[in-house]
Structures are given as C-alpha cells and as structure tokens.
C-alpha cells in the first residue's frame, strides 16, 4: 500500500478500512454516553412533573379549603349581623317602654 499511487479507490479503501470503523466506534460511544445523559434528564423531568402534580393537588385542596372557610365566615358575619339587629331592636323596645312609662307618668300628673 505504501508504494501505490493515491487514487480514489485507494482513498476509498483507506476510508472503509481505517476511518469508517473508528468513526463508528466514536459515534457509538457518543451515542451511549448521550443516551445515558438523556435518560438522566428524562428522569429529572419525570421527577419534576410528579412534584408539579403534587403541588397542583395541594393547590386545589387549599383553594377548596379556603372556599369553605370563606363560606363559614360569611355565615358567621350574617349571624353576627342578625344578632346585632336583634340587639338594636331590643334596645329600641326598651327605649319605647321607658318613653311610654314617662308619658304615662306625665299623663297621671296632668290628671291629678
């Protein structure tokens, strides 16, 4: 081979016998290495997706819980307003009773 002239067929044979097998080996090693790395990245993405799913579930639970708390708070406010109105009504009734007693006392003084 050392004495042969460099022709296209000699270059093709050199490529086929020397360069191509080495290139296949290098590409195979890179493919194996990249495949492992892609598997690692894929595993990380799967872990992130699982965590997002858990966070989404927890978020929905928090929203539902907050909605229940708001409903109960609204009910308590409504109840408190009812008690406040009843209390004001009782106070007004007491004042009316006092005024009626005062009117009756004045009428009794006028009659006598």
PDB file of N, CA and C in Angstrom:
ATOM      1  N   UNK A   1       0.817  -1.163   0.000  1.00  0.00           N
ATOM      2  CA  UNK A   1       0.000   0.000   0.000  1.00  0.00           C
ATOM      3  C   UNK A   1       0.878   1.250   0.000  1.00  0.00           C
ATOM      4  N   UNK A   2       2.043   1.163   0.588  1.00  0.00           N
ATOM      5  CA  UNK A   2       2.928   2.315   0.661  1.00  0.00           C
ATOM      6  C   UNK A   2       3.427   2.735  -0.707  1.00  0.00           C
ATOM      7  N   UNK A   3       3.567   1.797  -1.643  1.00  0.00           N
ATOM      8  CA  UNK A   3       4.080   2.115  -2.971  1.00  0.00           C
ATOM      9  C   UNK A   3       2.981   2.462  -3.966  1.00  0.00           C
ATOM     10  N   UNK A   4       1.734   2.243  -3.601  1.00  0.00           N
ATOM     11  CA  UNK A   4       0.636   2.500  -4.525  1.00  0.00           C
ATOM     12  C   UNK A   4       0.415   4.007  -4.660  1.00  0.00           C
ATOM     13  N   UNK A   5       0.028   4.437  -5.857  1.00  0.00           N
ATOM     14  CA  UNK A   5      -0.300   5.856  -6.006  1.00  0.00           C
ATOM     15  C   UNK A   5      -1.623   6.155  -5.289  1.00  0.00           C
ATOM     16  N   UNK A   6      -1.800   7.399  -4.862  1.00  0.00           N
ATOM     17  CA  UNK A   6      -3.014   7.788  -4.144  1.00  0.00           C
ATOM     18  C   UNK A   6      -4.097   8.062  -5.175  1.00  0.00           C
ATOM     19  N   UNK A   7      -4.979   7.103  -5.278  1.00  0.00           N
ATOM     20  CA  UNK A   7      -6.098   7.227  -6.208  1.00  0.00           C
ATOM     21  C   UNK A   7      -7.390   7.213  -5.407  1.00  0.00           C
ATOM     22  N   UNK A   8      -8.467   7.448  -6.093  1.00  0.00           N
ATOM     23  CA  UNK A   8      -9.771   7.463  -5.427  1.00  0.00           C
ATOM     24  C   UNK A   8     -10.086   6.115  -4.809  1.00  0.00           C
ATOM     25  N   UNK A   9      -9.763   5.042  -5.500  1.00  0.00           N
ATOM     26  CA  UNK A   9     -10.042   3.702  -4.955  1.00  0.00           C
ATOM     27  C   UNK A   9      -9.179   3.422  -3.740  1.00  0.00           C
ATOM     28  N   UNK A  10      -7.925   3.902  -3.736  1.00  0.00           N
ATOM     29  CA  UNK A  10      -7.047   3.715  -2.568  1.00  0.00           C
ATOM     30  C   UNK A  10      -7.605   4.516  -1.391  1.00  0.00           C
ATOM     31  N   UNK A  11      -8.027   5.758  -1.658  1.00  0.00           N
ATOM     32  CA  UNK A  11      -8.609   6.581  -0.582  1.00  0.00           C
ATOM     33  C   UNK A  11      -9.902   5.959  -0.052  1.00  0.00           C
ATOM     34  N   UNK A  12     -10.721   5.411  -0.965  1.00  0.00           N
ATOM     35  CA  UNK A  12     -11.968   4.773  -0.546  1.00  0.00           C
ATOM     36  C   UNK A  12     -11.674   3.556   0.314  1.00  0.00           C
ATOM     37  N   UNK A  13     -10.704   2.767  -0.053  1.00  0.00           N
ATOM     38  CA  UNK A  13     -10.328   1.592   0.740  1.00  0.00           C
ATOM     39  C   UNK A  13      -9.802   2.020   2.103  1.00  0.00           C
ATOM     40  N   UNK A  14      -8.950   3.058   2.124  1.00  0.00           N
ATOM     41  CA  UNK A  14      -8.415   3.566   3.390  1.00  0.00           C
ATOM     42  C   UNK A  14      -9.563   4.050   4.283  1.00  0.00           C
ATOM     43  N   UNK A  15     -10.480   4.751   3.685  1.00  0.00           N
ATOM     44  CA  UNK A  15     -11.632   5.245   4.434  1.00  0.00           C
ATOM     45  C   UNK A  15     -12.453   4.085   4.989  1.00  0.00           C
ATOM     46  N   UNK A  16     -12.723   3.104   4.142  1.00  0.00           N
ATOM     47  CA  UNK A  16     -13.536   1.955   4.522  1.00  0.00           C
ATOM     48  C   UNK A  16     -12.857   1.105   5.587  1.00  0.00           C
ATOM     49  N   UNK A  17     -11.543   0.941   5.523  1.00  0.00           N
ATOM     50  CA  UNK A  17     -10.825   0.037   6.426  1.00  0.00           C
ATOM     51  C   UNK A  17     -10.319   0.727   7.694  1.00  0.00           C
ATOM     52  N   UNK A  18     -10.015   2.007   7.625  1.00  0.00           N
ATOM     53  CA  UNK A  18      -9.389   2.681   8.773  1.00  0.00           C
ATOM     54  C   UNK A  18     -10.330   3.713   9.403  1.00  0.00           C
ATOM     55  N   UNK A  19     -10.761   4.645   8.611  1.00  0.00           N
ATOM     56  CA  UNK A  19     -11.513   5.776   9.168  1.00  0.00           C
ATOM     57  C   UNK A  19     -12.929   5.376   9.559  1.00  0.00           C
ATOM     58  N   UNK A  20     -13.662   4.673   8.698  1.00  0.00           N
ATOM     59  CA  UNK A  20     -15.053   4.325   8.965  1.00  0.00           C
ATOM     60  C   UNK A  20     -15.222   3.516  10.250  1.00  0.00           C
ATOM     61  N   UNK A  21     -14.433   2.456  10.487  1.00  0.00           N
ATOM     62  CA  UNK A  21     -14.600   1.719  11.744  1.00  0.00           C
ATOM     63  C   UNK A  21     -14.335   2.600  12.975  1.00  0.00           C
ATOM     64  N   UNK A  22     -13.333   3.487  12.876  1.00  0.00           N
ATOM     65  CA  UNK A  22     -13.027   4.369  14.004  1.00  0.00           C
ATOM     66  C   UNK A  22     -14.176   5.360  14.228  1.00  0.00           C
ATOM     67  N   UNK A  23     -14.727   5.887  13.144  1.00  0.00           N
ATOM     68  CA  UNK A  23     -15.850   6.818  13.258  1.00  0.00           C
ATOM     69  C   UNK A  23     -17.067   6.124  13.867  1.00  0.00           C
ATOM     70  N   UNK A  24     -17.317   4.877  13.453  1.00  0.00           N
ATOM     71  CA  UNK A  24     -18.447   4.131  14.013  1.00  0.00           C
ATOM     72  C   UNK A  24     -18.260   3.908  15.512  1.00  0.00           C
ATOM     73  N   UNK A  25     -17.021   3.605  15.895  1.00  0.00           N
ATOM     74  CA  UNK A  25     -16.725   3.406  17.313  1.00  0.00           C
ATOM     75  C   UNK A  25     -16.955   4.696  18.100  1.00  0.00           C
ATOM     76  N   UNK A  26     -16.441   5.824  17.597  1.00  0.00           N
ATOM     77  CA  UNK A  26     -16.594   7.116  18.289  1.00  0.00           C
ATOM     78  C   UNK A  26     -18.066   7.506  18.381  1.00  0.00           C
ATOM     79  N   UNK A  27     -18.784   7.359  17.259  1.00  0.00           N
ATOM     80  CA  UNK A  27     -20.206   7.710  17.256  1.00  0.00           C
ATOM     81  C   UNK A  27     -20.981   6.802  18.206  1.00  0.00           C
ATOM     82  N   UNK A  28     -20.657   5.525  18.242  1.00  0.00           N
ATOM     83  CA  UNK A  28     -21.312   4.591  19.159  1.00  0.00           C
ATOM     84  C   UNK A  28     -21.071   4.975  20.614  1.00  0.00           C
ATOM     85  N   UNK A  29     -19.828   5.340  20.928  1.00  0.00           N
ATOM     86  CA  UNK A  29     -19.521   5.763  22.303  1.00  0.00           C
ATOM     87  C   UNK A  29     -20.288   7.032  22.662  1.00  0.00           C
ATOM     88  N   UNK A  30     -20.312   7.974  21.733  1.00  0.00           N
ATOM     89  CA  UNK A  30     -21.054   9.213  21.984  1.00  0.00           C
ATOM     90  C   UNK A  30     -22.546   8.937  22.155  1.00  0.00           C
ATOM     91  N   UNK A  31     -23.080   8.042  21.314  1.00  0.00           N
ATOM     92  CA  UNK A  31     -24.491   7.696  21.414  1.00  0.00           C
ATOM     93  C   UNK A  31     -24.788   7.079  22.776  1.00  0.00           C
ATOM     94  N   UNK A  32     -23.921   6.158  23.217  1.00  0.00           N
ATOM     95  CA  UNK A  32     -24.127   5.531  24.523  1.00  0.00           C
ATOM     96  C   UNK A  32     -24.055   6.561  25.650  1.00  0.00           C
ATOM     97  N   UNK A  33     -23.074   7.455  25.561  1.00  0.00           N
ATOM     98  CA  UNK A  33     -22.922   8.483  26.590  1.00  0.00           C
ATOM     99  C   UNK A  33     -24.117   9.435  26.589  1.00  0.00           C
ATOM    100  N   UNK A  34     -24.532   9.868  25.405  1.00  0.00           N
ATOM    101  CA  UNK A  34     -25.660  10.793  25.313  1.00  0.00           C
ATOM    102  C   UNK A  34     -26.953  10.113  25.733  1.00  0.00           C
ATOM    103  N   UNK A  35     -27.091   8.840  25.408  1.00  0.00           N
ATOM    104  CA  UNK A  35     -28.287   8.105  25.797  1.00  0.00           C
ATOM    105  C   UNK A  35     -28.405   8.076  27.317  1.00  0.00           C
ATOM    106  N   UNK A  36     -27.301   7.831  27.992  1.00  0.00           N
ATOM    107  CA  UNK A  36     -27.311   7.837  29.451  1.00  0.00           C
ATOM    108  C   UNK A  36     -27.666   9.207  30.005  1.00  0.00           C
ATOM    109  N   UNK A  37     -27.122  10.233  29.385  1.00  0.00           N
ATOM    110  CA  UNK A  37     -27.423  11.592  29.833  1.00  0.00           C
ATOM    111  C   UNK A  37     -28.883  11.940  29.577  1.00  0.00           C
ATOM    112  N   UNK A  38     -29.396  11.539  28.414  1.00  0.00           N
ATOM    113  CA  UNK A  38     -30.800  11.800  28.130  1.00  0.00           C
ATOM    114  C   UNK A  38     -31.697  11.047  29.109  1.00  0.00           C
ATOM    115  N   UNK A  39     -31.298   9.830  29.468  1.00  0.00           N
ATOM    116  CA  UNK A  39     -32.069   9.081  30.470  1.00  0.00           C
ATOM    117  C   UNK A  39     -32.077   9.829  31.796  1.00  0.00           C
ATOM    118  N   UNK A  40     -30.921  10.398  32.181  1.00  0.00           N
ATOM    119  CA  UNK A  40     -30.853  11.179  33.422  1.00  0.00           C
ATOM    120  C   UNK A  40     -31.760  12.400  33.353  1.00  0.00           C
ATOM    121  N   UNK A  41     -31.693  13.119  32.245  1.00  0.00           N
ATOM    122  CA  UNK A  41     -32.531  14.320  32.074  1.00  0.00           C
ATOM    123  C   UNK A  41     -34.007  13.926  32.075  1.00  0.00           C
ATOM    124  N   UNK A  42     -34.325  12.839  31.391  1.00  0.00           N
ATOM    125  CA  UNK A  42     -35.705  12.371  31.360  1.00  0.00           C
ATOM    126  C   UNK A  42     -36.184  12.013  32.763  1.00  0.00           C
ATOM    127  N   UNK A  43     -35.321  11.377  33.541  1.00  0.00           N
ATOM    128  CA  UNK A  43     -35.670  11.063  34.922  1.00  0.00           C
ATOM    129  C   UNK A  43     -35.920  12.316  35.746  1.00  0.00           C
ATOM    130  N   UNK A  44     -35.097  13.342  35.527  1.00  0.00           N
ATOM    131  CA  UNK A  44     -35.294  14.606  36.244  1.00  0.00           C
ATOM    132  C   UNK A  44     -36.623  15.249  35.849  1.00  0.00           C
ATOM    133  N   UNK A  45     -36.935  15.228  34.556  1.00  0.00           N
ATOM    134  CA  UNK A  45     -38.213  15.789  34.123  1.00  0.00           C
ATOM    135  C   UNK A  45     -39.382  15.027  34.730  1.00  0.00           C
ATOM    136  N   UNK A  46     -39.280  13.710  34.773  1.00  0.00           N
ATOM    137  CA  UNK A  46     -40.352  12.921  35.383  1.00  0.00           C
ATOM    138  C   UNK A  46     -40.527  13.290  36.850  1.00  0.00           C
ATOM    139  N   UNK A  47     -39.422  13.467  37.566  1.00  0.00           N
ATOM    140  CA  UNK A  47     -39.500  13.856  38.977  1.00  0.00           C
ATOM    141  C   UNK A  47     -40.139  15.231  39.123  1.00  0.00           C
ATOM    142  N   UNK A  48     -39.782  16.151  38.225  1.00  0.00           N
ATOM    143  CA  UNK A  48     -40.375  17.495  38.272  1.00  0.00           C
ATOM    144  C   UNK A  48     -41.869  17.428  37.988  1.00  0.00           C
ATOM    145  N   UNK A  49     -42.273  16.630  36.989  1.00  0.00           N
ATOM    146  CA  UNK A  49     -43.693  16.503  36.678  1.00  0.00           C
ATOM    147  C   UNK A  49     -44.466  15.921  37.860  1.00  0.00           C
ATOM    148  N   UNK A  50     -43.892  14.929  38.535  1.00  0.00           N
ATOM    149  CA  UNK A  50     -44.556  14.356  39.710  1.00  0.00           C
ATOM    150  C   UNK A  50     -44.718  15.411  40.796  1.00  0.00           C
ATOM    151  N   UNK A  51     -43.671  16.201  40.979  1.00  0.00           N
ATOM    152  CA  UNK A  51     -43.740  17.247  42.008  1.00  0.00           C
ATOM    153  C   UNK A  51     -44.791  18.290  41.638  1.00  0.00           C
ATOM    154  N   UNK A  52     -44.837  18.675  40.362  1.00  0.00           N
ATOM    155  CA  UNK A  52     -45.870  19.615  39.917  1.00  0.00           C
ATOM    156  C   UNK A  52     -47.259  19.035  40.135  1.00  0.00           C
ATOM    157  N   UNK A  53     -47.429  17.743  39.883  1.00  0.00           N
ATOM    158  CA  UNK A  53     -48.728  17.110  40.118  1.00  0.00           C
ATOM    159  C   UNK A  53     -49.107  17.201  41.590  1.00  0.00           C
ATOM    160  N   UNK A  54     -48.163  16.903  42.474  1.00  0.00           N
ATOM    161  CA  UNK A  54     -48.433  17.004  43.912  1.00  0.00           C
ATOM    162  C   UNK A  54     -48.775  18.440  44.290  1.00  0.00           C
ATOM    163  N   UNK A  55     -48.002  19.388  43.768  1.00  0.00           N
ATOM    164  CA  UNK A  55     -48.258  20.794  44.085  1.00  0.00           C
ATOM    165  C   UNK A  55     -49.618  21.239  43.552  1.00  0.00           C
ATOM    166  N   UNK A  56     -49.972  20.778  42.373  1.00  0.00           N
ATOM    167  CA  UNK A  56     -51.281  21.115  41.808  1.00  0.00           C
ATOM    168  C   UNK A  56     -52.396  20.555  42.682  1.00  0.00           C
ATOM    169  N   UNK A  57     -52.228  19.313  43.139  1.00  0.00           N
ATOM    170  CA  UNK A  57     -53.225  18.699  44.014  1.00  0.00           C
ATOM    171  C   UNK A  57     -53.334  19.483  45.310  1.00  0.00           C
ATOM    172  N   UNK A  58     -52.200  19.817  45.910  1.00  0.00           N
ATOM    173  CA  UNK A  58     -52.215  20.586  47.151  1.00  0.00           C
ATOM    174  C   UNK A  58     -52.848  21.957  46.934  1.00  0.00           C
ATOM    175  N   UNK A  59     -52.558  22.576  45.796  1.00  0.00           N
ATOM    176  CA  UNK A  59     -53.141  23.875  45.486  1.00  0.00           C
ATOM    177  C   UNK A  59     -54.665  23.767  45.421  1.00  0.00           C
ATOM    178  N   UNK A  60     -55.159  22.741  44.728  1.00  0.00           N
ATOM    179  CA  UNK A  60     -56.606  22.567  44.610  1.00  0.00           C
ATOM    180  C   UNK A  60     -57.228  22.328  45.983  1.00  0.00           C
ATOM    181  N   UNK A  61     -56.538  21.564  46.830  1.00  0.00           N
ATOM    182  CA  UNK A  61     -57.044  21.313  48.176  1.00  0.00           C
ATOM    183  C   UNK A  61     -57.083  22.612  48.988  1.00  0.00           C
ATOM    184  N   UNK A  62     -56.049  23.429  48.854  1.00  0.00           N
ATOM    185  CA  UNK A  62     -56.020  24.712  49.560  1.00  0.00           C
ATOM    186  C   UNK A  62     -57.127  25.641  49.081  1.00  0.00           C
ATOM    187  N   UNK A  63     -57.352  25.666  47.771  1.00  0.00           N
ATOM    188  CA  UNK A  63     -58.422  26.507  47.230  1.00  0.00           C
ATOM    189  C   UNK A  63     -59.771  26.051  47.764  1.00  0.00           C
ATOM    190  N   UNK A  64     -60.009  24.746  47.773  1.00  0.00           N
ATOM    191  CA  UNK A  64     -61.278  24.221  48.281  1.00  0.00           C
ATOM    192  C   UNK A  64     -61.425  24.525  49.776  1.00  0.00           C
ATOM    193  N   UNK A  65     -60.350  24.359  50.530  1.00  0.00           N
ATOM    194  CA  UNK A  65     -60.396  24.660  51.965  1.00  0.00           C
ATOM    195  C   UNK A  65     -60.652  26.131  52.214  1.00  0.00           C
ATOM    196  N   UNK A  66     -60.000  26.981  51.461  1.00  0.00           N
ATOM    197  CA  UNK A  66     -60.207  28.424  51.609  1.00  0.00           C
ATOM    198  C   UNK A  66     -61.641  28.803  51.252  1.00  0.00           C
ATOM    199  N   UNK A  67     -62.187  28.161  50.236  1.00  0.00           N
ATOM    200  CA  UNK A  67     -63.580  28.420  49.861  1.00  0.00           C
ATOM    201  C   UNK A  67     -64.518  28.061  51.010  1.00  0.00           C
ATOM    202  N   UNK A  68     -64.253  26.911  51.670  1.00  0.00           N
ATOM    203  CA  UNK A  68     -65.085  26.508  52.809  1.00  0.00           C
ATOM    204  C   UNK A  68     -64.950  27.507  53.957  1.00  0.00           C
ATOM    205  N   UNK A  69     -63.729  27.971  54.208  1.00  0.00           N
ATOM    206  CA  UNK A  69     -63.514  28.948  55.283  1.00  0.00           C
ATOM    207  C   UNK A  69     -64.261  30.245  54.968  1.00  0.00           C
ATOM    208  N   UNK A  70     -64.197  30.687  53.719  1.00  0.00           N
ATOM    209  CA  UNK A  70     -64.903  31.913  53.330  1.00  0.00           C
ATOM    210  C   UNK A  70     -66.410  31.749  53.493  1.00  0.00           C
ATOM    211  N   UNK A  71     -66.935  30.591  53.139  1.00  0.00           N
ATOM    212  CA  UNK A  71     -68.373  30.349  53.302  1.00  0.00           C
ATOM    213  C   UNK A  71     -68.768  30.384  54.768  1.00  0.00           C
ATOM    214  N   UNK A  72     -67.966  29.757  55.611  1.00  0.00           N
ATOM    215  CA  UNK A  72     -68.261  29.759  57.048  1.00  0.00           C
ATOM    216  C   UNK A  72     -68.152  31.159  57.625  1.00  0.00           C
ATOM    217  N   UNK A  73     -67.157  31.913  57.157  1.00  0.00           N
ATOM    218  CA  UNK A  73     -67.000  33.288  57.622  1.00  0.00           C
ATOM    219  C   UNK A  73     -68.187  34.136  57.196  1.00  0.00           C
ATOM    220  N   UNK A  74     -68.648  33.955  55.968  1.00  0.00           N
ATOM    221  CA  UNK A  74     -69.840  34.677  55.510  1.00  0.00           C
ATOM    222  C   UNK A  74     -71.046  34.324  56.374  1.00  0.00           C
ATOM    223  N   UNK A  75     -71.194  33.054  56.700  1.00  0.00           N
ATOM    224  CA  UNK A  75     -72.305  32.634  57.553  1.00  0.00           C
ATOM    225  C   UNK A  75     -72.184  33.266  58.943  1.00  0.00           C
ATOM    226  N   UNK A  76     -70.975  33.315  59.482  1.00  0.00           N
ATOM    227  CA  UNK A  76     -70.776  33.943  60.791  1.00  0.00           C
ATOM    228  C   UNK A  76     -71.077  35.434  60.755  1.00  0.00           C
ATOM    229  N   UNK A  77     -70.676  36.100  59.696  1.00  0.00           N
ATOM    230  CA  UNK A  77     -70.958  37.535  59.562  1.00  0.00           C
ATOM    231  C   UNK A  77     -72.461  37.764  59.486  1.00  0.00           C
ATOM    232  N   UNK A  78     -73.143  36.926  58.714  1.00  0.00           N
ATOM    233  CA  UNK A  78     -74.603  37.045  58.604  1.00  0.00           C
ATOM    234  C   UNK A  78     -75.253  36.834  59.967  1.00  0.00           C
ATOM    235  N   UNK A  79     -74.797  35.830  60.692  1.00  0.00           N
ATOM    236  CA  UNK A  79     -75.336  35.558  62.029  1.00  0.00           C
ATOM    237  C   UNK A  79     -75.052  36.722  62.963  1.00  0.00           C
ATOM    238  N   UNK A  80     -73.850  37.253  62.892  1.00  0.00           N
ATOM    239  CA  UNK A  80     -73.488  38.383  63.740  1.00  0.00           C
ATOM    240  C   UNK A  80     -74.360  39.594  63.419  1.00  0.00           C
ATOM    241  N   UNK A  81     -74.617  39.824  62.152  1.00  0.00           N
ATOM    242  CA  UNK A  81     -75.473  40.949  61.767  1.00  0.00           C
ATOM    243  C   UNK A  81     -76.890  40.752  62.296  1.00  0.00           C
ATOM    244  N   UNK A  82     -77.384  39.515  62.259  1.00  0.00           N
ATOM    245  CA  UNK A  82     -78.714  39.230  62.796  1.00  0.00           C
ATOM    246  C   UNK A  82     -78.757  39.513  64.291  1.00  0.00           C
ATOM    247  N   UNK A  83     -77.718  39.077  65.012  1.00  0.00           N
ATOM    248  CA  UNK A  83     -77.662  39.336  66.457  1.00  0.00           C
ATOM    249  C   UNK A  83     -77.583  40.832  66.736  1.00  0.00           C
ATOM    250  N   UNK A  84     -76.836  41.547  65.923  1.00  0.00           N
ATOM    251  CA  UNK A  84     -76.712  42.994  66.106  1.00  0.00           C
ATOM    252  C   UNK A  84     -78.065  43.662  65.885  1.00  0.00           C
ATOM    253  N   UNK A  85     -78.798  43.215  64.864  1.00  0.00           N
ATOM    254  CA  UNK A  85     -80.124  43.780  64.621  1.00  0.00           C
ATOM    255  C   UNK A  85     -81.077  43.461  65.761  1.00  0.00           C
ATOM    256  N   UNK A  86     -81.014  42.243  66.259  1.00  0.00           N
ATOM    257  CA  UNK A  86     -81.873  41.862  67.387  1.00  0.00           C
ATOM    258  C   UNK A  86     -81.532  42.691  68.615  1.00  0.00           C
ATOM    259  N   UNK A  87     -80.243  42.891  68.826  1.00  0.00           N
ATOM    260  CA  UNK A  87     -79.812  43.690  69.970  1.00  0.00           C
ATOM    261  C   UNK A  87     -80.310  45.126  69.842  1.00  0.00           C
ATOM    262  N   UNK A  88     -80.200  45.696  68.645  1.00  0.00           N
ATOM    263  CA  UNK A  88     -80.699  47.059  68.420  1.00  0.00           C
ATOM    264  C   UNK A  88     -82.208  47.114  68.605  1.00  0.00           C
ATOM    265  N   UNK A  89     -82.899  46.082  68.126  1.00  0.00           N
ATOM    266  CA  UNK A  89     -84.349  46.024  68.292  1.00  0.00           C
ATOM    267  C   UNK A  89     -84.718  45.976  69.777  1.00  0.00           C
ATOM    268  N   UNK A  90     -84.011  45.163  70.533  1.00  0.00           N
ATOM    269  CA  UNK A  90     -84.269  45.077  71.979  1.00  0.00           C
ATOM    270  C   UNK A  90     -84.016  46.427  72.649  1.00  0.00           C
ATOM    271  N   UNK A  91     -82.955  47.101  72.235  1.00  0.00           N
ATOM    272  CA  UNK A  91     -82.633  48.411  72.808  1.00  0.00           C
ATOM    273  C   UNK A  91     -83.733  49.424  72.482  1.00  0.00           C
ATOM    274  N   UNK A  92     -84.212  49.395  71.229  1.00  0.00           N
ATOM    275  CA  UNK A  92     -85.297  50.296  70.843  1.00  0.00           C
ATOM    276  C   UNK A  92     -86.572  49.997  71.615  1.00  0.00           C
ATOM    277  N   UNK A  93     -86.873  48.723  71.815  1.00  0.00           N
ATOM    278  CA  UNK A  93     -88.054  48.342  72.607  1.00  0.00           C
ATOM    279  C   UNK A  93     -87.921  48.849  74.032  1.00  0.00           C
ATOM    280  N   UNK A  94     -86.728  48.738  74.583  1.00  0.00           N
ATOM    281  CA  UNK A  94     -86.504  49.232  75.946  1.00  0.00           C
ATOM    282  C   UNK A  94     -86.715  50.739  76.004  1.00  0.00           C
ATOM    283  N   UNK A  95     -86.229  51.448  75.024  1.00  0.00           N
ATOM    284  CA  UNK A  95     -86.405  52.906  74.986  1.00  0.00           C
ATOM    285  C   UNK A  95     -87.887  53.269  74.840  1.00  0.00           C
ATOM    286  N   UNK A  96     -88.604  52.524  73.987  1.00  0.00           N
ATOM    287  CA  UNK A  96     -90.040  52.762  73.823  1.00  0.00           C
ATOM    288  C   UNK A  96     -90.760  52.523  75.144  1.00  0.00           C
ATOM    289  N   UNK A  97     -90.392  51.448  75.827  1.00  0.00           N
ATOM    290  CA  UNK A  97     -91.005  51.159  77.132  1.00  0.00           C
ATOM    291  C   UNK A  97     -90.750  52.305  78.106  1.00  0.00           C
ATOM    292  N   UNK A  98     -89.515  52.805  78.124  1.00  0.00           N
ATOM    293  CA  UNK A  98     -89.173  53.915  79.027  1.00  0.00           C
ATOM    294  C   UNK A  98     -89.989  55.157  78.646  1.00  0.00           C
ATOM    295  N   UNK A  99     -90.070  55.444  77.350  1.00  0.00           N
ATOM    296  CA  UNK A  99     -90.847  56.600  76.900  1.00  0.00           C
ATOM    297  C   UNK A  99     -92.321  56.449  77.258  1.00  0.00           C
ATOM    298  N   UNK A 100     -92.862  55.252  77.103  1.00  0.00           N
ATOM    299  CA  UNK A 100     -94.261  55.005  77.446  1.00  0.00           C
ATOM    300  C   UNK A 100     -94.487  55.222  78.944  1.00  0.00           C
ATOM    301  N   UNK A 101     -93.521  54.760  79.749  1.00  0.00           N
ATOM    302  CA  UNK A 101     -93.632  54.973  81.198  1.00  0.00           C
ATOM    303  C   UNK A 101     -93.582  56.466  81.520  1.00  0.00           C
ATOM    304  N   UNK A 102     -92.709  57.172  80.845  1.00  0.00           N
ATOM    305  CA  UNK A 102     -92.607  58.617  81.080  1.00  0.00           C
ATOM    306  C   UNK A 102     -93.893  59.326  80.650  1.00  0.00           C
ATOM    307  N   UNK A 103     -94.448  58.923  79.482  1.00  0.00           N
ATOM    308  CA  UNK A 103     -95.709  59.508  79.013  1.00  0.00           C
ATOM    309  C   UNK A 103     -96.823  59.219  80.007  1.00  0.00           C
ATOM    310  N   UNK A 104     -96.871  57.999  80.503  1.00  0.00           N
ATOM    311  CA  UNK A 104     -97.901  57.617  81.464  1.00  0.00           C
ATOM    312  C   UNK A 104     -97.745  58.422  82.749  1.00  0.00           C
ATOM    313  N   UNK A 105     -96.512  58.632  83.172  1.00  0.00           N
ATOM    314  CA  UNK A 105     -96.269  59.422  84.388  1.00  0.00           C
ATOM    315  C   UNK A 105     -96.719  60.871  84.167  1.00  0.00           C
ATOM    316  N   UNK A 106     -96.443  61.395  82.986  1.00  0.00           N
ATOM    317  CA  UNK A 106     -96.853  62.775  82.681  1.00  0.00           C
ATOM    318  C   UNK A 106     -98.371  62.870  82.631  1.00  0.00           C
ATOM    319  N   UNK A 107     -99.018  61.875  81.989  1.00  0.00           N
ATOM    320  CA  UNK A 107    -100.488  61.872  81.925  1.00  0.00           C
ATOM    321  C   UNK A 107    -101.076  61.799  83.322  1.00  0.00           C
ATOM    322  N   UNK A 108    -100.510  61.008  84.209  1.00  0.00           N
ATOM    323  CA  UNK A 108    -101.024  60.881  85.571  1.00  0.00           C
ATOM    324  C   UNK A 108    -100.871  62.198  86.329  1.00  0.00           C
ATOM    325  N   UNK A 109     -99.775  62.910  86.090  1.00  0.00           N
ATOM    326  CA  UNK A 109     -99.576  64.194  86.750  1.00  0.00           C
ATOM    327  C   UNK A 109    -100.571  65.236  86.212  1.00  0.00           C
ATOM    328  N   UNK A 110    -100.838  65.130  84.896  1.00  0.00           N
ATOM    329  CA  UNK A 110    -101.787  66.087  84.312  1.00  0.00           C
ATOM    330  C   UNK A 110    -103.202  65.837  84.809  1.00  0.00           C
ATOM    331  N   UNK A 111    -103.554  64.620  85.051  1.00  0.00           N
ATOM    332  CA  UNK A 111    -104.895  64.252  85.525  1.00  0.00           C
ATOM    333  C   UNK A 111    -105.109  64.649  86.989  1.00  0.00           C
ATOM    334  N   UNK A 112    -104.015  64.710  87.721  1.00  0.00           N
ATOM    335  CA  UNK A 112    -104.187  64.999  89.133  1.00  0.00           C
ATOM    336  C   UNK A 112    -104.033  66.428  89.489  1.00  0.00           C
TER     337      UNK A 112
END
